[in-house]
Amino acid sequence: MIMAITTTLTGTEKETVKDPKPGMLLKRTMEVFVNLAYSVSGFGLLIALWYIITVASGGELPSPAATFTVFWDLVKDPFYDLGPNDKGIALQLLSSLTRVFTGFLLGSFVAIPVGLVMGASNIARRIFYPIVQVLKPVSPLAWFPIGLVAFQSAADATIFIIVITSLWPTLINTAFGVSSIPDDHRNVAKAFGFSRWKYLTKVLIPFSLPHIITGLRLSIGVAWLVIVAGEMLSGGMGIGFFVWDSWNALSLEKVISAILIIGLVGLLLDRGFAALEKRVTYAA
């Protein structure tokens, strides 16, 4: 009887020792608070530096307080529409994001297949690699006149420059992912007599997928960078045009507020793809 009770207590103690959940939860909570403290400290230093520069400039640069007042005015009523040149910041962002995702998706539809072919074929790699290296460094602004001539539309030209500049990270990462497939995987596929379609769907794409997602994450960042310059040139509507219009109105508070909003949206886009990147793993 005593032995039975002793055994039960020992088992319970072992279960308690083996259960790491309370300790893990506490550790993760502490990590979140520590990271938050570092982030708040960093932004605090940035605001302090901003204030010092404002004082040093003699008030030519708007102060953090004045800027955040304008920022709040922009975000508290983001959907107002008073005409073609006077729309809320949310409508401006929606217009920009529509162009960004249109160009990003079109670029991805080109980049992924070409990257798969380049990674799988040495001949294709030799043909396309020099073209990629020549076109990849070209500034998006240099492509804008080509887009205007080709599409006869400033809005379409903006989408064109997003396509032509955002596809390279996805293409290069896709090609790298395919070319880095271990020989063991290729040999097993040959030994089992995989058809081309089965090899593509069971080996090539699954193994390359993490690299493709990394490329897409980089590409969406490039697309979001390019849209501001493109909309400054094209005019009309969008966050880039909002920045340019605010500058012409000599409202630096709005310009800096738009910069903050652009940064926050870019952060959200990056975090979204980073979360997707973490979920994608190759199942051998």
C-alpha atoms as a PDB file:
ATOM      1  CA  MET A   1       0.000   0.000   0.000  1.00  0.00           C
ATOM      2  CA  ILE A   2       2.787   2.373   0.965  1.00  0.00           C
ATOM      3  CA  MET A   3       4.708   1.451  -2.172  1.00  0.00           C
ATOM      4  CA  ALA A   4       1.680   2.177  -4.332  1.00  0.00           C
ATOM      5  CA  ILE A   5       1.251   5.628  -2.795  1.00  0.00           C
ATOM      6  CA  THR A   6       4.960   6.333  -3.185  1.00  0.00           C
ATOM      7  CA  THR A   7       4.859   5.290  -6.833  1.00  0.00           C
ATOM      8  CA  THR A   8       1.863   7.538  -7.523  1.00  0.00           C
ATOM      9  CA  LEU A   9       3.544  10.539  -5.923  1.00  0.00           C
ATOM     10  CA  THR A  10       6.735   9.923  -7.852  1.00  0.00           C
ATOM     11  CA  GLY A  11       4.826   9.716 -11.145  1.00  0.00           C
ATOM     12  CA  THR A  12       3.035  12.962 -10.384  1.00  0.00           C
ATOM     13  CA  GLU A  13       6.298  14.655  -9.548  1.00  0.00           C
ATOM     14  CA  LYS A  14       7.813  13.433 -12.804  1.00  0.00           C
ATOM     15  CA  GLU A  15       4.876  14.784 -14.796  1.00  0.00           C
ATOM     16  CA  THR A  16       5.253  18.131 -13.041  1.00  0.00           C
ATOM     17  CA  VAL A  17       8.970  18.246 -13.808  1.00  0.00           C
ATOM     18  CA  LYS A  18       8.447  17.223 -17.430  1.00  0.00           C
ATOM     19  CA  ASP A  19       5.721  19.812 -18.095  1.00  0.00           C
ATOM     20  CA  PRO A  20       7.623  22.885 -19.316  1.00  0.00           C
ATOM     21  CA  LYS A  21       4.606  24.971 -20.304  1.00  0.00           C
ATOM     22  CA  PRO A  22       4.435  27.413 -17.335  1.00  0.00           C
ATOM     23  CA  GLY A  23       8.179  28.061 -17.507  1.00  0.00           C
ATOM     24  CA  MET A  24       8.128  28.432 -21.284  1.00  0.00           C
ATOM     25  CA  LEU A  25       5.187  30.829 -21.100  1.00  0.00           C
ATOM     26  CA  LEU A  26       6.984  32.969 -18.533  1.00  0.00           C
ATOM     27  CA  LYS A  27      10.165  32.960 -20.625  1.00  0.00           C
ATOM     28  CA  ARG A  28       8.330  34.006 -23.779  1.00  0.00           C
ATOM     29  CA  THR A  29       6.459  36.729 -21.895  1.00  0.00           C
ATOM     30  CA  MET A  30       9.744  38.094 -20.578  1.00  0.00           C
ATOM     31  CA  GLU A  31      11.241  38.021 -24.076  1.00  0.00           C
ATOM     32  CA  VAL A  32       8.273  39.990 -25.422  1.00  0.00           C
ATOM     33  CA  PHE A  33       8.633  42.634 -22.710  1.00  0.00           C
ATOM     34  CA  VAL A  34      12.405  42.879 -23.207  1.00  0.00           C
ATOM     35  CA  ASN A  35      12.033  43.253 -26.972  1.00  0.00           C
ATOM     36  CA  LEU A  36       9.289  45.836 -26.445  1.00  0.00           C
ATOM     37  CA  ALA A  37      11.525  47.766 -24.057  1.00  0.00           C
ATOM     38  CA  TYR A  38      14.340  47.819 -26.622  1.00  0.00           C
ATOM     39  CA  SER A  39      11.942  48.974 -29.347  1.00  0.00           C
ATOM     40  CA  VAL A  40      10.493  51.748 -27.178  1.00  0.00           C
ATOM     41  CA  SER A  41      14.017  52.848 -26.237  1.00  0.00           C
ATOM     42  CA  GLY A  42      15.021  52.969 -29.894  1.00  0.00           C
ATOM     43  CA  PHE A  43      12.011  55.081 -30.860  1.00  0.00           C
ATOM     44  CA  GLY A  44      12.627  57.301 -27.840  1.00  0.00           C
ATOM     45  CA  LEU A  45      16.190  57.959 -29.016  1.00  0.00           C
ATOM     46  CA  LEU A  46      14.922  58.670 -32.537  1.00  0.00           C
ATOM     47  CA  ILE A  47      12.370  61.205 -31.264  1.00  0.00           C
ATOM     48  CA  ALA A  48      15.023  62.853 -29.053  1.00  0.00           C
ATOM     49  CA  LEU A  49      17.372  63.140 -32.041  1.00  0.00           C
ATOM     50  CA  TRP A  50      14.513  64.521 -34.126  1.00  0.00           C
ATOM     51  CA  TYR A  51      13.830  67.181 -31.488  1.00  0.00           C
ATOM     52  CA  ILE A  52      17.525  68.155 -31.351  1.00  0.00           C
ATOM     53  CA  ILE A  53      17.655  68.527 -35.150  1.00  0.00           C
ATOM     54  CA  THR A  54      14.465  70.616 -35.049  1.00  0.00           C
ATOM     55  CA  VAL A  55      16.009  73.004 -32.518  1.00  0.00           C
ATOM     56  CA  ALA A  56      19.301  73.122 -34.446  1.00  0.00           C
ATOM     57  CA  SER A  57      17.468  73.960 -37.688  1.00  0.00           C
ATOM     58  CA  GLY A  58      15.807  76.972 -36.093  1.00  0.00           C
ATOM     59  CA  GLY A  59      12.342  75.488 -36.454  1.00  0.00           C
ATOM     60  CA  GLU A  60      12.577  74.854 -40.206  1.00  0.00           C
ATOM     61  CA  LEU A  61      12.023  71.156 -39.569  1.00  0.00           C
ATOM     62  CA  PRO A  62       8.689  70.492 -37.829  1.00  0.00           C
ATOM     63  CA  SER A  63       8.882  69.215 -34.267  1.00  0.00           C
ATOM     64  CA  PRO A  64       7.699  65.736 -33.256  1.00  0.00           C
ATOM     65  CA  ALA A  65       4.697  67.245 -31.434  1.00  0.00           C
ATOM     66  CA  ALA A  66       3.569  69.276 -34.457  1.00  0.00           C
ATOM     67  CA  THR A  67       4.063  66.296 -36.762  1.00  0.00           C
ATOM     68  CA  PHE A  68       2.133  63.882 -34.559  1.00  0.00           C
ATOM     69  CA  THR A  69      -0.747  66.372 -34.385  1.00  0.00           C
ATOM     70  CA  VAL A  70      -0.957  66.335 -38.188  1.00  0.00           C
ATOM     71  CA  PHE A  71      -0.453  62.554 -38.190  1.00  0.00           C
ATOM     72  CA  TRP A  72      -3.458  62.157 -35.890  1.00  0.00           C
ATOM     73  CA  ASP A  73      -5.551  64.418 -38.115  1.00  0.00           C
ATOM     74  CA  LEU A  74      -4.709  62.138 -41.066  1.00  0.00           C
ATOM     75  CA  VAL A  75      -5.522  58.845 -39.354  1.00  0.00           C
ATOM     76  CA  LYS A  76      -8.632  59.869 -37.407  1.00  0.00           C
ATOM     77  CA  ASP A  77     -10.607  60.436 -40.631  1.00  0.00           C
ATOM     78  CA  PRO A  78      -8.803  58.326 -43.243  1.00  0.00           C
ATOM     79  CA  PHE A  79     -11.683  57.701 -45.665  1.00  0.00           C
ATOM     80  CA  TYR A  80     -12.939  61.186 -46.494  1.00  0.00           C
ATOM     81  CA  ASP A  81     -13.364  62.063 -50.178  1.00  0.00           C
ATOM     82  CA  LEU A  82     -13.686  65.736 -51.143  1.00  0.00           C
ATOM     83  CA  GLY A  83     -12.698  65.417 -54.776  1.00  0.00           C
ATOM     84  CA  PRO A  84      -9.949  64.047 -57.039  1.00  0.00           C
ATOM     85  CA  ASN A  85      -7.110  65.843 -55.230  1.00  0.00           C
ATOM     86  CA  ASP A  86      -8.418  65.713 -51.670  1.00  0.00           C
ATOM     87  CA  LYS A  87      -8.867  62.199 -50.329  1.00  0.00           C
ATOM     88  CA  GLY A  88      -8.182  60.542 -46.998  1.00  0.00           C
ATOM     89  CA  ILE A  89      -4.908  58.761 -46.305  1.00  0.00           C
ATOM     90  CA  ALA A  90      -6.579  55.324 -46.293  1.00  0.00           C
ATOM     91  CA  LEU A  91      -7.902  55.886 -49.823  1.00  0.00           C
ATOM     92  CA  GLN A  92      -4.432  57.011 -50.906  1.00  0.00           C
ATOM     93  CA  LEU A  93      -2.919  53.859 -49.399  1.00  0.00           C
ATOM     94  CA  LEU A  94      -5.560  51.645 -50.981  1.00  0.00           C
ATOM     95  CA  SER A  95      -4.751  53.082 -54.400  1.00  0.00           C
ATOM     96  CA  SER A  96      -1.026  52.521 -53.872  1.00  0.00           C
ATOM     97  CA  LEU A  97      -1.441  48.996 -52.491  1.00  0.00           C
ATOM     98  CA  THR A  98      -3.647  48.053 -55.445  1.00  0.00           C
ATOM     99  CA  ARG A  99      -0.867  49.082 -57.835  1.00  0.00           C
ATOM    100  CA  VAL A 100       1.780  47.413 -55.681  1.00  0.00           C
ATOM    101  CA  PHE A 101       0.041  44.034 -55.548  1.00  0.00           C
ATOM    102  CA  THR A 102      -0.899  44.173 -59.231  1.00  0.00           C
ATOM    103  CA  GLY A 103       2.714  44.766 -60.225  1.00  0.00           C
ATOM    104  CA  PHE A 104       4.018  42.332 -57.618  1.00  0.00           C
ATOM    105  CA  LEU A 105       1.738  39.503 -58.787  1.00  0.00           C
ATOM    106  CA  LEU A 106       2.496  40.100 -62.467  1.00  0.00           C
ATOM    107  CA  GLY A 107       6.210  40.140 -61.697  1.00  0.00           C
ATOM    108  CA  SER A 108       5.905  36.936 -59.667  1.00  0.00           C
ATOM    109  CA  PHE A 109       4.084  35.173 -62.521  1.00  0.00           C
ATOM    110  CA  VAL A 110       7.144  35.911 -64.667  1.00  0.00           C
ATOM    111  CA  ALA A 111       9.852  35.427 -62.041  1.00  0.00           C
ATOM    112  CA  ILE A 112       8.870  32.041 -60.585  1.00  0.00           C
ATOM    113  CA  PRO A 113       8.641  30.042 -63.858  1.00  0.00           C
ATOM    114  CA  VAL A 114      11.801  31.646 -65.259  1.00  0.00           C
ATOM    115  CA  GLY A 115      13.601  31.022 -61.959  1.00  0.00           C
ATOM    116  CA  LEU A 116      12.532  27.370 -61.953  1.00  0.00           C
ATOM    117  CA  VAL A 117      13.853  26.932 -65.491  1.00  0.00           C
ATOM    118  CA  MET A 118      17.120  28.741 -64.706  1.00  0.00           C
ATOM    119  CA  GLY A 119      17.693  26.629 -61.624  1.00  0.00           C
ATOM    120  CA  ALA A 120      16.922  23.341 -63.371  1.00  0.00           C
ATOM    121  CA  SER A 121      18.826  23.929 -66.618  1.00  0.00           C
ATOM    122  CA  ASN A 122      22.444  24.991 -67.028  1.00  0.00           C
ATOM    123  CA  ILE A 123      21.703  26.105 -70.585  1.00  0.00           C
ATOM    124  CA  ALA A 124      18.826  28.331 -69.453  1.00  0.00           C
ATOM    125  CA  ARG A 125      20.998  29.733 -66.675  1.00  0.00           C
ATOM    126  CA  ARG A 126      23.720  30.672 -69.156  1.00  0.00           C
ATOM    127  CA  ILE A 127      21.166  32.327 -71.435  1.00  0.00           C
ATOM    128  CA  PHE A 128      19.234  34.314 -68.832  1.00  0.00           C
ATOM    129  CA  TYR A 129      21.877  35.097 -66.197  1.00  0.00           C
ATOM    130  CA  PRO A 130      23.643  37.853 -68.205  1.00  0.00           C
ATOM    131  CA  ILE A 131      20.267  39.457 -68.980  1.00  0.00           C
ATOM    132  CA  VAL A 132      19.344  39.430 -65.290  1.00  0.00           C
ATOM    133  CA  GLN A 133      22.656  40.988 -64.278  1.00  0.00           C
ATOM    134  CA  VAL A 134      22.306  43.768 -66.871  1.00  0.00           C
ATOM    135  CA  LEU A 135      18.675  44.678 -66.126  1.00  0.00           C
ATOM    136  CA  LYS A 136      18.579  44.157 -62.349  1.00  0.00           C
ATOM    137  CA  PRO A 137      20.574  47.295 -61.356  1.00  0.00           C
ATOM    138  CA  VAL A 138      18.574  49.685 -63.570  1.00  0.00           C
ATOM    139  CA  SER A 139      16.769  52.383 -61.576  1.00  0.00           C
ATOM    140  CA  PRO A 140      12.963  52.192 -61.624  1.00  0.00           C
ATOM    141  CA  LEU A 141      12.819  55.834 -62.713  1.00  0.00           C
ATOM    142  CA  ALA A 142      14.743  54.942 -65.870  1.00  0.00           C
ATOM    143  CA  TRP A 143      11.984  52.497 -66.819  1.00  0.00           C
ATOM    144  CA  PHE A 144       9.188  55.035 -66.416  1.00  0.00           C
ATOM    145  CA  PRO A 145       9.510  56.673 -69.880  1.00  0.00           C
ATOM    146  CA  ILE A 146       9.529  53.198 -71.462  1.00  0.00           C
ATOM    147  CA  GLY A 147       6.316  52.397 -69.611  1.00  0.00           C
ATOM    148  CA  LEU A 148       4.702  55.644 -70.748  1.00  0.00           C
ATOM    149  CA  VAL A 149       5.533  54.946 -74.389  1.00  0.00           C
ATOM    150  CA  ALA A 150       4.420  51.313 -74.160  1.00  0.00           C
ATOM    151  CA  PHE A 151       1.138  51.815 -72.275  1.00  0.00           C
ATOM    152  CA  GLN A 152       0.233  55.472 -72.919  1.00  0.00           C
ATOM    153  CA  SER A 153      -0.886  55.728 -69.300  1.00  0.00           C
ATOM    154  CA  ALA A 154       0.944  57.055 -66.250  1.00  0.00           C
ATOM    155  CA  ALA A 155      -0.897  54.644 -63.921  1.00  0.00           C
ATOM    156  CA  ASP A 156      -0.019  51.640 -66.092  1.00  0.00           C
ATOM    157  CA  ALA A 157       3.563  52.887 -66.397  1.00  0.00           C
ATOM    158  CA  THR A 158       3.775  52.889 -62.598  1.00  0.00           C
ATOM    159  CA  ILE A 159       2.619  49.264 -62.473  1.00  0.00           C
ATOM    160  CA  PHE A 160       5.124  48.444 -65.224  1.00  0.00           C
ATOM    161  CA  ILE A 161       8.082  49.761 -63.231  1.00  0.00           C
ATOM    162  CA  ILE A 162       6.919  47.747 -60.211  1.00  0.00           C
ATOM    163  CA  VAL A 163       6.820  44.601 -62.349  1.00  0.00           C
ATOM    164  CA  ILE A 164      10.236  45.160 -63.910  1.00  0.00           C
ATOM    165  CA  THR A 165      12.011  46.003 -60.653  1.00  0.00           C
ATOM    166  CA  SER A 166      10.318  43.655 -58.171  1.00  0.00           C
ATOM    167  CA  LEU A 167      10.679  40.399 -60.102  1.00  0.00           C
ATOM    168  CA  TRP A 168      14.462  40.039 -59.704  1.00  0.00           C
ATOM    169  CA  PRO A 169      14.655  38.956 -56.031  1.00  0.00           C
ATOM    170  CA  THR A 170      12.016  36.269 -56.602  1.00  0.00           C
ATOM    171  CA  LEU A 171      13.645  35.079 -59.821  1.00  0.00           C
ATOM    172  CA  ILE A 172      17.135  34.851 -58.298  1.00  0.00           C
ATOM    173  CA  ASN A 173      15.975  33.149 -55.091  1.00  0.00           C
ATOM    174  CA  THR A 174      13.837  30.673 -57.030  1.00  0.00           C
ATOM    175  CA  ALA A 175      16.764  29.762 -59.275  1.00  0.00           C
ATOM    176  CA  PHE A 176      19.016  29.366 -56.233  1.00  0.00           C
ATOM    177  CA  GLY A 177      16.474  27.159 -54.477  1.00  0.00           C
ATOM    178  CA  VAL A 178      16.178  24.818 -57.462  1.00  0.00           C
ATOM    179  CA  SER A 179      19.931  24.641 -58.073  1.00  0.00           C
ATOM    180  CA  SER A 180      20.561  23.791 -54.401  1.00  0.00           C
ATOM    181  CA  ILE A 181      18.374  20.659 -54.389  1.00  0.00           C
ATOM    182  CA  PRO A 182      20.605  17.870 -53.018  1.00  0.00           C
ATOM    183  CA  ASP A 183      21.752  15.217 -55.487  1.00  0.00           C
ATOM    184  CA  ASP A 184      20.233  12.552 -53.217  1.00  0.00           C
ATOM    185  CA  HIS A 185      16.758  13.913 -53.919  1.00  0.00           C
ATOM    186  CA  ARG A 186      17.387  13.937 -57.657  1.00  0.00           C
ATOM    187  CA  ASN A 187      18.783  10.398 -57.592  1.00  0.00           C
ATOM    188  CA  VAL A 188      15.843   9.054 -55.583  1.00  0.00           C
ATOM    189  CA  ALA A 189      13.427  10.645 -58.056  1.00  0.00           C
ATOM    190  CA  LYS A 190      15.278   8.980 -60.943  1.00  0.00           C
ATOM    191  CA  ALA A 191      15.408   5.635 -59.138  1.00  0.00           C
ATOM    192  CA  PHE A 192      11.640   5.654 -58.627  1.00  0.00           C
ATOM    193  CA  GLY A 193      11.043   6.763 -62.189  1.00  0.00           C
ATOM    194  CA  PHE A 194       9.326  10.052 -61.371  1.00  0.00           C
ATOM    195  CA  SER A 195       7.700  11.731 -64.339  1.00  0.00           C
ATOM    196  CA  ARG A 196       8.600  15.366 -64.970  1.00  0.00           C
ATOM    197  CA  TRP A 197       5.320  16.494 -63.468  1.00  0.00           C
ATOM    198  CA  LYS A 198       5.778  14.334 -60.361  1.00  0.00           C
ATOM    199  CA  TYR A 199       9.372  15.528 -59.947  1.00  0.00           C
ATOM    200  CA  LEU A 200       8.178  19.121 -60.291  1.00  0.00           C
ATOM    201  CA  THR A 201       5.380  18.776 -57.716  1.00  0.00           C
ATOM    202  CA  LYS A 202       7.010  16.346 -55.260  1.00  0.00           C
ATOM    203  CA  VAL A 203      10.650  17.462 -55.246  1.00  0.00           C
ATOM    204  CA  LEU A 204      11.487  20.637 -57.144  1.00  0.00           C
ATOM    205  CA  ILE A 205       8.751  23.018 -55.962  1.00  0.00           C
ATOM    206  CA  PRO A 206       8.503  21.759 -52.330  1.00  0.00           C
ATOM    207  CA  PHE A 207      12.257  22.018 -51.816  1.00  0.00           C
ATOM    208  CA  SER A 208      12.449  25.424 -53.531  1.00  0.00           C
ATOM    209  CA  LEU A 209       9.389  26.880 -51.789  1.00  0.00           C
ATOM    210  CA  PRO A 210      11.217  28.422 -48.780  1.00  0.00           C
ATOM    211  CA  HIS A 211      13.591  30.183 -51.184  1.00  0.00           C
ATOM    212  CA  ILE A 212      10.661  31.341 -53.323  1.00  0.00           C
ATOM    213  CA  ILE A 213       8.907  32.804 -50.270  1.00  0.00           C
ATOM    214  CA  THR A 214      12.123  34.607 -49.296  1.00  0.00           C
ATOM    215  CA  GLY A 215      12.293  36.050 -52.802  1.00  0.00           C
ATOM    216  CA  LEU A 216       8.654  37.138 -52.622  1.00  0.00           C
ATOM    217  CA  ARG A 217       9.326  38.832 -49.289  1.00  0.00           C
ATOM    218  CA  LEU A 218      12.186  40.818 -50.814  1.00  0.00           C
ATOM    219  CA  SER A 219      10.144  41.593 -53.923  1.00  0.00           C
ATOM    220  CA  ILE A 220       7.186  43.054 -52.028  1.00  0.00           C
ATOM    221  CA  GLY A 221       9.638  45.331 -50.223  1.00  0.00           C
ATOM    222  CA  VAL A 222      11.063  46.513 -53.538  1.00  0.00           C
ATOM    223  CA  ALA A 223       7.562  47.049 -54.936  1.00  0.00           C
ATOM    224  CA  TRP A 224       6.602  49.180 -51.935  1.00  0.00           C
ATOM    225  CA  LEU A 225       9.786  51.250 -52.339  1.00  0.00           C
ATOM    226  CA  VAL A 226       9.180  51.816 -56.032  1.00  0.00           C
ATOM    227  CA  ILE A 227       5.529  52.888 -55.768  1.00  0.00           C
ATOM    228  CA  VAL A 228       6.387  56.165 -54.021  1.00  0.00           C
ATOM    229  CA  ALA A 229       8.769  57.306 -56.760  1.00  0.00           C
ATOM    230  CA  GLY A 230       6.413  56.081 -59.472  1.00  0.00           C
ATOM    231  CA  GLU A 231       3.422  57.966 -58.093  1.00  0.00           C
ATOM    232  CA  MET A 232       5.472  61.128 -57.703  1.00  0.00           C
ATOM    233  CA  LEU A 233       6.074  60.987 -61.451  1.00  0.00           C
ATOM    234  CA  SER A 234       2.642  59.770 -62.504  1.00  0.00           C
ATOM    235  CA  GLY A 235       0.537  62.022 -60.260  1.00  0.00           C
ATOM    236  CA  GLY A 236      -3.131  61.306 -59.667  1.00  0.00           C
ATOM    237  CA  MET A 237      -3.747  59.386 -56.487  1.00  0.00           C
ATOM    238  CA  GLY A 238      -1.627  57.368 -54.088  1.00  0.00           C
ATOM    239  CA  ILE A 239       0.756  57.767 -51.175  1.00  0.00           C
ATOM    240  CA  GLY A 240       3.602  58.883 -53.459  1.00  0.00           C
ATOM    241  CA  PHE A 241       1.491  61.636 -54.984  1.00  0.00           C
ATOM    242  CA  PHE A 242       0.340  62.581 -51.471  1.00  0.00           C
ATOM    243  CA  VAL A 243       3.983  63.136 -50.451  1.00  0.00           C
ATOM    244  CA  TRP A 244       4.674  65.224 -53.557  1.00  0.00           C
ATOM    245  CA  ASP A 245       1.470  67.242 -53.179  1.00  0.00           C
ATOM    246  CA  SER A 246       2.249  67.893 -49.499  1.00  0.00           C
ATOM    247  CA  TRP A 247       5.737  69.093 -50.421  1.00  0.00           C
ATOM    248  CA  ASN A 248       4.311  71.475 -53.024  1.00  0.00           C
ATOM    249  CA  ALA A 249       1.972  72.801 -50.325  1.00  0.00           C
ATOM    250  CA  LEU A 250       5.040  73.285 -48.057  1.00  0.00           C
ATOM    251  CA  SER A 251       3.537  70.987 -45.422  1.00  0.00           C
ATOM    252  CA  LEU A 252       6.543  69.142 -44.051  1.00  0.00           C
ATOM    253  CA  GLU A 253       4.370  67.796 -41.237  1.00  0.00           C
ATOM    254  CA  LYS A 254       2.313  65.897 -43.805  1.00  0.00           C
ATOM    255  CA  VAL A 255       5.454  64.748 -45.627  1.00  0.00           C
ATOM    256  CA  ILE A 256       6.969  63.297 -42.452  1.00  0.00           C
ATOM    257  CA  SER A 257       3.615  61.804 -41.435  1.00  0.00           C
ATOM    258  CA  ALA A 258       3.422  60.101 -44.829  1.00  0.00           C
ATOM    259  CA  ILE A 259       6.975  58.789 -44.356  1.00  0.00           C
ATOM    260  CA  LEU A 260       5.929  57.252 -41.025  1.00  0.00           C
ATOM    261  CA  ILE A 261       2.847  55.683 -42.616  1.00  0.00           C
ATOM    262  CA  ILE A 262       4.911  54.317 -45.521  1.00  0.00           C
ATOM    263  CA  GLY A 263       7.321  52.768 -43.025  1.00  0.00           C
ATOM    264  CA  LEU A 264       4.539  51.202 -40.953  1.00  0.00           C
ATOM    265  CA  VAL A 265       2.828  49.697 -44.001  1.00  0.00           C
ATOM    266  CA  GLY A 266       6.173  48.380 -45.240  1.00  0.00           C
ATOM    267  CA  LEU A 267       6.766  46.803 -41.831  1.00  0.00           C
ATOM    268  CA  LEU A 268       3.357  45.097 -41.914  1.00  0.00           C
ATOM    269  CA  LEU A 269       3.991  43.742 -45.414  1.00  0.00           C
ATOM    270  CA  ASP A 270       7.385  42.401 -44.373  1.00  0.00           C
ATOM    271  CA  ARG A 271       6.044  40.833 -41.167  1.00  0.00           C
ATOM    272  CA  GLY A 272       3.267  39.149 -43.119  1.00  0.00           C
ATOM    273  CA  PHE A 273       5.701  37.482 -45.499  1.00  0.00           C
ATOM    274  CA  ALA A 274       8.083  36.703 -42.621  1.00  0.00           C
ATOM    275  CA  ALA A 275       5.277  34.805 -40.861  1.00  0.00           C
ATOM    276  CA  LEU A 276       4.552  32.910 -44.079  1.00  0.00           C
ATOM    277  CA  GLU A 277       8.260  32.196 -44.473  1.00  0.00           C
ATOM    278  CA  LYS A 278       8.415  30.589 -41.026  1.00  0.00           C
ATOM    279  CA  ARG A 279       5.493  28.294 -41.803  1.00  0.00           C
ATOM    280  CA  VAL A 280       6.934  26.986 -45.049  1.00  0.00           C
ATOM    281  CA  THR A 281       9.256  24.034 -44.560  1.00  0.00           C
ATOM    282  CA  TYR A 282      10.321  21.289 -46.896  1.00  0.00           C
ATOM    283  CA  ALA A 283       8.826  17.914 -46.037  1.00  0.00           C
ATOM    284  CA  ALA A 284      11.401  15.375 -47.129  1.00  0.00           C
END
